[in-house]
């Protein structure tokens, strides 16, 4: 009877561990997305007068949106590339040292979180860029109206 209870307890603890792990991954993804959102928003709020000047001289909104979206995309790709490289080097070192505590780089949940993080960060960044650039050049230069 004790063996059955121990197996049930192990199953329950294992299920709770997975549940807490998934919650932590979701919380981590949301934290990083909000950090990138606030970073882009803060930067664009600082350069609003420059953006208003570009718009006043006739630079189309779509050009500015695509330019800043490409900048955000390049930053995300470089940062994800560096992090994946560090994870791979860590995995190789742990495998070389023949430890049992290796990090599974090919875990589907890890790659799902990376893809979710990438596209959600890009979506929120583009949304902020559009919201700020929808203002008139005068509002951007002089800081009037909608705060973005």
N, C-alpha and C. Protein backbone atom coordinates (compact mmCIF):
# COMPACT_ATOMS: atom_id res chain seq x y z
N UNK A 1 0.82 -1.20 0.00
CA UNK A 1 0.00 0.00 0.00
C UNK A 1 0.87 1.27 0.00
N UNK A 2 1.99 1.22 0.73
CA UNK A 2 2.89 2.37 0.76
C UNK A 2 3.47 2.66 -0.61
N UNK A 3 3.79 1.63 -1.37
CA UNK A 3 4.34 1.82 -2.71
C UNK A 3 3.34 2.54 -3.60
N UNK A 4 2.09 2.17 -3.52
CA UNK A 4 1.04 2.81 -4.32
C UNK A 4 0.90 4.28 -3.92
N UNK A 5 0.90 4.57 -2.63
CA UNK A 5 0.80 5.95 -2.17
C UNK A 5 2.02 6.76 -2.60
N UNK A 6 3.21 6.18 -2.53
CA UNK A 6 4.42 6.88 -2.97
C UNK A 6 4.36 7.19 -4.46
N UNK A 7 3.86 6.24 -5.26
CA UNK A 7 3.75 6.48 -6.69
C UNK A 7 2.72 7.57 -6.99
N UNK A 8 1.62 7.57 -6.25
CA UNK A 8 0.61 8.62 -6.43
C UNK A 8 1.17 9.98 -6.03
N UNK A 9 1.90 10.03 -4.94
CA UNK A 9 2.52 11.28 -4.51
C UNK A 9 3.56 11.76 -5.52
N UNK A 10 4.34 10.83 -6.06
CA UNK A 10 5.33 11.20 -7.07
C UNK A 10 4.65 11.74 -8.32
N UNK A 11 3.56 11.12 -8.74
CA UNK A 11 2.82 11.59 -9.91
C UNK A 11 2.26 12.99 -9.66
N UNK A 12 1.75 13.22 -8.46
CA UNK A 12 1.19 14.52 -8.13
C UNK A 12 2.29 15.60 -8.11
N UNK A 13 3.42 15.28 -7.49
CA UNK A 13 4.53 16.25 -7.44
C UNK A 13 5.08 16.50 -8.84
N UNK A 14 5.15 15.45 -9.65
CA UNK A 14 5.63 15.62 -11.03
C UNK A 14 4.70 16.52 -11.83
N UNK A 15 3.40 16.31 -11.67
CA UNK A 15 2.42 17.15 -12.36
C UNK A 15 2.51 18.60 -11.89
N UNK A 16 2.64 18.80 -10.60
CA UNK A 16 2.79 20.16 -10.06
C UNK A 16 4.07 20.82 -10.57
N UNK A 17 5.14 20.03 -10.68
CA UNK A 17 6.40 20.55 -11.21
C UNK A 17 6.26 21.04 -12.65
N UNK A 18 5.58 20.24 -13.48
CA UNK A 18 5.34 20.65 -14.86
C UNK A 18 4.47 21.90 -14.92
N UNK A 19 3.45 21.93 -14.10
CA UNK A 19 2.54 23.08 -14.08
C UNK A 19 3.28 24.35 -13.67
N UNK A 20 4.07 24.27 -12.62
CA UNK A 20 4.84 25.44 -12.18
C UNK A 20 5.88 25.83 -13.23
N UNK A 21 6.49 24.86 -13.88
CA UNK A 21 7.45 25.15 -14.95
C UNK A 21 6.82 25.91 -16.10
N UNK A 22 5.63 25.49 -16.51
CA UNK A 22 4.94 26.16 -17.61
C UNK A 22 4.53 27.57 -17.19
N UNK A 23 4.07 27.73 -15.96
CA UNK A 23 3.73 29.07 -15.47
C UNK A 23 4.96 29.97 -15.46
N UNK A 24 6.10 29.45 -15.05
CA UNK A 24 7.34 30.24 -15.04
C UNK A 24 7.77 30.62 -16.45
N UNK A 25 7.61 29.72 -17.41
CA UNK A 25 7.96 30.04 -18.80
C UNK A 25 7.04 31.14 -19.32
N UNK A 26 5.75 31.04 -19.05
CA UNK A 26 4.80 32.08 -19.49
C UNK A 26 5.13 33.42 -18.84
N UNK A 27 5.42 33.39 -17.55
CA UNK A 27 5.78 34.63 -16.85
C UNK A 27 7.08 35.22 -17.42
N UNK A 28 8.04 34.38 -17.73
CA UNK A 28 9.30 34.86 -18.31
C UNK A 28 9.08 35.49 -19.67
N UNK A 29 8.28 34.83 -20.49
CA UNK A 29 8.00 35.37 -21.83
C UNK A 29 7.29 36.72 -21.71
N UNK A 30 6.29 36.81 -20.84
CA UNK A 30 5.58 38.08 -20.66
C UNK A 30 6.51 39.17 -20.13
N UNK A 31 7.39 38.83 -19.22
CA UNK A 31 8.32 39.82 -18.67
C UNK A 31 9.25 40.36 -19.75
N UNK A 32 9.77 39.48 -20.59
CA UNK A 32 10.68 39.92 -21.65
C UNK A 32 9.93 40.74 -22.69
N UNK A 33 8.71 40.32 -23.03
CA UNK A 33 7.92 41.08 -24.01
C UNK A 33 7.62 42.48 -23.49
N UNK A 34 7.23 42.60 -22.22
CA UNK A 34 6.96 43.93 -21.66
C UNK A 34 8.22 44.77 -21.56
N UNK A 35 9.37 44.14 -21.28
CA UNK A 35 10.63 44.88 -21.26
C UNK A 35 10.95 45.45 -22.63
N UNK A 36 10.82 44.63 -23.67
CA UNK A 36 11.11 45.10 -25.03
C UNK A 36 10.10 46.17 -25.44
N UNK A 37 8.83 45.98 -25.07
CA UNK A 37 7.80 46.98 -25.38
C UNK A 37 8.14 48.32 -24.74
N UNK A 38 8.51 48.30 -23.46
CA UNK A 38 8.84 49.55 -22.77
C UNK A 38 10.14 50.16 -23.31
N UNK A 39 11.07 49.33 -23.71
CA UNK A 39 12.32 49.84 -24.29
C UNK A 39 12.06 50.57 -25.60
N UNK A 40 11.29 49.96 -26.47
CA UNK A 40 10.97 50.59 -27.76
C UNK A 40 10.13 51.85 -27.55
N UNK A 41 9.15 51.77 -26.67
CA UNK A 41 8.28 52.92 -26.42
C UNK A 41 9.07 54.09 -25.82
N UNK A 42 9.95 53.81 -24.89
CA UNK A 42 10.78 54.87 -24.29
C UNK A 42 11.69 55.52 -25.31
N UNK A 43 12.28 54.70 -26.18
CA UNK A 43 13.17 55.25 -27.20
C UNK A 43 12.39 56.13 -28.18
N UNK A 44 11.25 55.64 -28.63
CA UNK A 44 10.47 56.41 -29.60
C UNK A 44 9.91 57.68 -28.98
N UNK A 45 9.56 57.65 -27.69
CA UNK A 45 9.09 58.87 -27.03
C UNK A 45 10.20 59.90 -26.93
N UNK A 46 11.45 59.45 -26.79
CA UNK A 46 12.57 60.39 -26.72
C UNK A 46 12.85 61.05 -28.06
N UNK A 47 12.61 60.33 -29.15
CA UNK A 47 12.94 60.88 -30.47
C UNK A 47 11.71 61.33 -31.25
N UNK A 48 10.60 61.57 -30.55
CA UNK A 48 9.39 62.04 -31.21
C UNK A 48 9.62 63.31 -32.04
N UNK A 49 10.37 64.30 -31.54
CA UNK A 49 10.60 65.47 -32.39
C UNK A 49 11.32 65.14 -33.70
N UNK A 50 12.25 64.21 -33.66
CA UNK A 50 12.94 63.81 -34.89
C UNK A 50 11.98 63.12 -35.85
N UNK A 51 11.13 62.24 -35.30
CA UNK A 51 10.15 61.56 -36.14
C UNK A 51 9.16 62.56 -36.74
N UNK A 52 8.74 63.54 -35.95
CA UNK A 52 7.85 64.58 -36.47
C UNK A 52 8.51 65.38 -37.58
N UNK A 53 9.79 65.65 -37.44
CA UNK A 53 10.52 66.37 -38.49
C UNK A 53 10.60 65.54 -39.76
N UNK A 54 10.88 64.25 -39.62
CA UNK A 54 10.92 63.37 -40.80
C UNK A 54 9.57 63.36 -41.50
N UNK A 55 8.48 63.27 -40.71
CA UNK A 55 7.15 63.26 -41.31
C UNK A 55 6.83 64.61 -41.95
N UNK A 56 7.27 65.71 -41.34
CA UNK A 56 6.99 67.04 -41.89
C UNK A 56 7.68 67.24 -43.23
N UNK A 57 8.83 66.63 -43.40
CA UNK A 57 9.55 66.75 -44.67
C UNK A 57 9.07 65.73 -45.70
N UNK A 58 8.03 64.96 -45.37
CA UNK A 58 7.40 64.11 -46.36
C UNK A 58 7.79 62.64 -46.34
N UNK A 59 8.53 62.21 -45.33
CA UNK A 59 8.87 60.79 -45.25
C UNK A 59 7.60 60.01 -44.87
N UNK A 60 7.24 59.01 -45.67
CA UNK A 60 5.98 58.30 -45.39
C UNK A 60 6.03 57.49 -44.10
N UNK A 61 4.86 57.37 -43.47
CA UNK A 61 4.76 56.59 -42.23
C UNK A 61 5.19 55.15 -42.45
N UNK A 62 4.79 54.57 -43.58
CA UNK A 62 5.11 53.16 -43.83
C UNK A 62 6.62 52.92 -43.90
N UNK A 63 7.37 53.88 -44.42
CA UNK A 63 8.82 53.75 -44.45
C UNK A 63 9.40 53.74 -43.04
N UNK A 64 8.92 54.65 -42.20
CA UNK A 64 9.41 54.71 -40.82
C UNK A 64 9.01 53.46 -40.04
N UNK A 65 7.78 53.00 -40.25
CA UNK A 65 7.33 51.78 -39.56
C UNK A 65 8.18 50.60 -39.97
N UNK A 66 8.41 50.45 -41.27
CA UNK A 66 9.21 49.30 -41.73
C UNK A 66 10.67 49.42 -41.28
N UNK A 67 11.21 50.64 -41.25
CA UNK A 67 12.60 50.82 -40.82
C UNK A 67 12.76 50.44 -39.35
N UNK A 68 11.89 50.95 -38.49
CA UNK A 68 12.00 50.63 -37.07
C UNK A 68 11.64 49.17 -36.80
N UNK A 69 10.74 48.60 -37.58
CA UNK A 69 10.43 47.18 -37.43
C UNK A 69 11.64 46.33 -37.80
N UNK A 70 12.36 46.71 -38.84
CA UNK A 70 13.58 45.98 -39.21
C UNK A 70 14.65 46.10 -38.13
N UNK A 71 14.75 47.27 -37.53
CA UNK A 71 15.73 47.46 -36.45
C UNK A 71 15.40 46.54 -35.27
N UNK A 72 14.13 46.51 -34.88
CA UNK A 72 13.70 45.65 -33.77
C UNK A 72 13.93 44.19 -34.14
N UNK A 73 13.62 43.80 -35.38
CA UNK A 73 13.82 42.42 -35.81
C UNK A 73 15.28 42.02 -35.75
N UNK A 74 16.17 42.90 -36.23
CA UNK A 74 17.60 42.59 -36.19
C UNK A 74 18.08 42.46 -34.74
N UNK A 75 17.64 43.35 -33.87
CA UNK A 75 18.03 43.25 -32.45
C UNK A 75 17.53 41.95 -31.82
N UNK A 76 16.31 41.56 -32.14
CA UNK A 76 15.78 40.32 -31.59
C UNK A 76 16.53 39.11 -32.13
N UNK A 77 16.82 39.09 -33.43
CA UNK A 77 17.54 37.97 -34.03
C UNK A 77 18.94 37.85 -33.44
N UNK A 78 19.63 38.97 -33.30
CA UNK A 78 20.98 38.94 -32.73
C UNK A 78 20.95 38.47 -31.28
N UNK A 79 20.02 39.00 -30.49
CA UNK A 79 19.97 38.59 -29.08
C UNK A 79 19.58 37.13 -28.93
N UNK A 80 18.63 36.64 -29.73
CA UNK A 80 18.27 35.23 -29.67
C UNK A 80 19.42 34.36 -30.16
N UNK A 81 20.11 34.82 -31.20
CA UNK A 81 21.26 34.06 -31.70
C UNK A 81 22.35 33.91 -30.65
N UNK A 82 22.65 34.99 -29.96
CA UNK A 82 23.66 34.95 -28.91
C UNK A 82 23.22 34.02 -27.77
N UNK A 83 21.96 34.12 -27.38
CA UNK A 83 21.48 33.27 -26.28
C UNK A 83 21.47 31.79 -26.67
N UNK A 84 21.09 31.48 -27.90
CA UNK A 84 21.09 30.09 -28.35
C UNK A 84 22.52 29.57 -28.45
N UNK A 85 23.45 30.42 -28.88
CA UNK A 85 24.86 30.02 -28.93
C UNK A 85 25.39 29.72 -27.53
N UNK A 86 25.04 30.55 -26.56
CA UNK A 86 25.48 30.31 -25.18
C UNK A 86 24.88 29.01 -24.65
N UNK A 87 23.61 28.76 -24.94
CA UNK A 87 22.97 27.51 -24.50
C UNK A 87 23.65 26.30 -25.15
N UNK A 88 23.96 26.41 -26.44
CA UNK A 88 24.61 25.29 -27.13
C UNK A 88 26.01 25.02 -26.57
N UNK A 89 26.77 26.09 -26.30
CA UNK A 89 28.11 25.92 -25.72
C UNK A 89 28.00 25.29 -24.34
N UNK A 90 27.03 25.72 -23.56
CA UNK A 90 26.80 25.13 -22.24
C UNK A 90 26.47 23.65 -22.36
N UNK A 91 25.63 23.30 -23.32
CA UNK A 91 25.26 21.90 -23.52
C UNK A 91 26.48 21.08 -23.94
N UNK A 92 27.30 21.62 -24.82
CA UNK A 92 28.51 20.90 -25.26
C UNK A 92 29.47 20.71 -24.10
N UNK A 93 29.66 21.76 -23.30
CA UNK A 93 30.57 21.64 -22.15
C UNK A 93 30.08 20.62 -21.14
N UNK A 94 28.79 20.65 -20.84
CA UNK A 94 28.25 19.68 -19.89
C UNK A 94 28.32 18.26 -20.42
N UNK A 95 28.12 18.09 -21.73
CA UNK A 95 28.25 16.77 -22.33
C UNK A 95 29.71 16.32 -22.30
N UNK A 96 30.63 17.24 -22.57
CA UNK A 96 32.06 16.92 -22.55
C UNK A 96 32.51 16.53 -21.15
N UNK A 97 31.98 17.21 -20.14
CA UNK A 97 32.34 16.89 -18.76
C UNK A 97 31.61 15.66 -18.24
N UNK A 98 30.72 15.11 -19.05
CA UNK A 98 29.98 13.90 -18.75
C UNK A 98 29.19 13.99 -17.45
N UNK A 99 28.53 15.12 -17.29
CA UNK A 99 27.64 15.26 -16.14
C UNK A 99 26.25 14.80 -16.53
N UNK A 100 25.49 14.38 -15.56
CA UNK A 100 24.14 13.93 -15.84
C UNK A 100 23.15 15.08 -15.92
N UNK A 101 23.53 16.24 -15.45
CA UNK A 101 22.64 17.40 -15.43
C UNK A 101 22.84 18.25 -16.67
N UNK A 102 22.55 17.72 -17.83
CA UNK A 102 22.68 18.49 -19.06
C UNK A 102 21.36 19.19 -19.35
N UNK A 103 21.46 20.31 -20.03
CA UNK A 103 20.29 21.09 -20.42
C UNK A 103 19.85 20.60 -21.79
N UNK A 104 18.60 20.27 -21.95
CA UNK A 104 18.10 19.76 -23.22
C UNK A 104 17.82 20.93 -24.16
N UNK A 105 18.76 21.16 -25.07
CA UNK A 105 18.62 22.27 -26.02
C UNK A 105 17.51 22.00 -27.02
N UNK A 106 17.22 20.77 -27.29
CA UNK A 106 16.24 20.43 -28.32
C UNK A 106 14.85 20.20 -27.75
N UNK A 107 14.58 20.76 -26.59
CA UNK A 107 13.27 20.66 -25.97
C UNK A 107 12.27 21.48 -26.77
N UNK A 108 11.15 20.88 -27.11
CA UNK A 108 10.13 21.55 -27.93
C UNK A 108 9.53 22.75 -27.20
N UNK A 109 9.38 22.66 -25.89
CA UNK A 109 8.84 23.79 -25.12
C UNK A 109 9.78 24.99 -25.17
N UNK A 110 11.08 24.75 -25.13
CA UNK A 110 12.07 25.83 -25.22
C UNK A 110 11.94 26.57 -26.54
N UNK A 111 11.90 25.82 -27.62
CA UNK A 111 11.79 26.44 -28.95
C UNK A 111 10.44 27.10 -29.15
N UNK A 112 9.39 26.53 -28.56
CA UNK A 112 8.08 27.18 -28.63
C UNK A 112 8.08 28.50 -27.89
N UNK A 113 8.73 28.53 -26.73
CA UNK A 113 8.82 29.79 -25.98
C UNK A 113 9.63 30.82 -26.74
N UNK A 114 10.70 30.39 -27.40
CA UNK A 114 11.53 31.33 -28.18
C UNK A 114 10.72 31.91 -29.34
N UNK A 115 9.99 31.07 -30.05
CA UNK A 115 9.18 31.55 -31.18
C UNK A 115 8.07 32.48 -30.68
N UNK A 116 7.41 32.10 -29.59
CA UNK A 116 6.36 32.95 -29.01
C UNK A 116 6.94 34.29 -28.56
N UNK A 117 8.08 34.25 -27.94
CA UNK A 117 8.74 35.47 -27.48
C UNK A 117 9.11 36.37 -28.65
N UNK A 118 9.66 35.79 -29.70
CA UNK A 118 10.08 36.57 -30.86
C UNK A 118 8.90 37.27 -31.52
N UNK A 119 7.86 36.51 -31.84
CA UNK A 119 6.74 37.10 -32.57
C UNK A 119 5.89 38.03 -31.72
N UNK A 120 5.73 37.73 -30.45
CA UNK A 120 4.96 38.65 -29.60
C UNK A 120 5.72 39.94 -29.37
N UNK A 121 7.04 39.88 -29.22
CA UNK A 121 7.84 41.10 -29.07
C UNK A 121 7.77 41.94 -30.34
N UNK A 122 7.86 41.29 -31.47
CA UNK A 122 7.79 42.00 -32.74
C UNK A 122 6.40 42.62 -32.94
N UNK A 123 5.35 41.91 -32.56
CA UNK A 123 4.00 42.44 -32.70
C UNK A 123 3.81 43.69 -31.85
N UNK A 124 4.20 43.62 -30.57
CA UNK A 124 4.00 44.77 -29.68
C UNK A 124 4.88 45.95 -30.10
N UNK A 125 6.07 45.67 -30.59
CA UNK A 125 6.94 46.75 -31.05
C UNK A 125 6.33 47.46 -32.26
N UNK A 126 5.83 46.68 -33.22
CA UNK A 126 5.19 47.29 -34.40
C UNK A 126 3.94 48.08 -34.00
N UNK A 127 3.19 47.58 -33.04
CA UNK A 127 1.98 48.29 -32.59
C UNK A 127 2.34 49.63 -31.97
N UNK A 128 3.38 49.67 -31.16
CA UNK A 128 3.82 50.92 -30.54
C UNK A 128 4.33 51.88 -31.60
N UNK A 129 5.09 51.37 -32.54
CA UNK A 129 5.62 52.23 -33.61
C UNK A 129 4.47 52.85 -34.40
N UNK A 130 3.47 52.04 -34.74
CA UNK A 130 2.31 52.57 -35.48
C UNK A 130 1.55 53.61 -34.66
N UNK A 131 1.35 53.35 -33.36
CA UNK A 131 0.61 54.29 -32.52
C UNK A 131 1.31 55.64 -32.44
N UNK A 132 2.61 55.62 -32.32
CA UNK A 132 3.35 56.88 -32.22
C UNK A 132 3.38 57.59 -33.56
N UNK A 133 3.57 56.85 -34.65
CA UNK A 133 3.67 57.49 -35.96
C UNK A 133 2.32 57.88 -36.55
N UNK A 134 1.21 57.49 -35.94
CA UNK A 134 -0.10 57.94 -36.41
C UNK A 134 -0.40 59.38 -36.01
N UNK A 135 0.43 59.96 -35.17
CA UNK A 135 0.23 61.34 -34.75
C UNK A 135 0.70 62.29 -35.86
N UNK A 136 0.21 63.51 -35.80
CA UNK A 136 0.62 64.49 -36.79
C UNK A 136 2.05 64.95 -36.50
N UNK A 137 2.75 65.48 -37.53
CA UNK A 137 4.11 65.95 -37.29
C UNK A 137 4.19 67.03 -36.21
N UNK A 138 3.21 67.92 -36.16
CA UNK A 138 3.20 68.97 -35.13
C UNK A 138 3.08 68.40 -33.73
N UNK A 139 2.22 67.41 -33.58
CA UNK A 139 2.08 66.77 -32.26
C UNK A 139 3.37 66.07 -31.84
N UNK A 140 4.05 65.47 -32.80
CA UNK A 140 5.30 64.78 -32.46
C UNK A 140 6.40 65.78 -32.11
N UNK A 141 6.51 66.85 -32.88
CA UNK A 141 7.59 67.82 -32.65
C UNK A 141 7.38 68.58 -31.35
N UNK A 142 6.15 69.03 -31.12
CA UNK A 142 5.89 69.88 -29.96
C UNK A 142 5.34 69.15 -28.76
N UNK A 143 5.16 67.83 -28.85
CA UNK A 143 4.70 67.05 -27.72
C UNK A 143 3.26 67.29 -27.34
N UNK A 144 2.42 67.59 -28.32
CA UNK A 144 1.00 67.85 -28.04
C UNK A 144 0.19 66.58 -28.25
N UNK A 145 -1.03 66.63 -27.77
CA UNK A 145 -2.01 65.60 -28.08
C UNK A 145 -1.71 64.25 -27.48
N UNK A 146 -1.93 63.22 -28.27
CA UNK A 146 -1.81 61.83 -27.83
C UNK A 146 -0.39 61.54 -27.38
N UNK A 147 -0.26 60.92 -26.23
CA UNK A 147 1.08 60.61 -25.69
C UNK A 147 1.62 59.28 -26.22
N UNK A 148 0.93 58.62 -27.12
CA UNK A 148 1.42 57.40 -27.75
C UNK A 148 1.13 56.20 -26.97
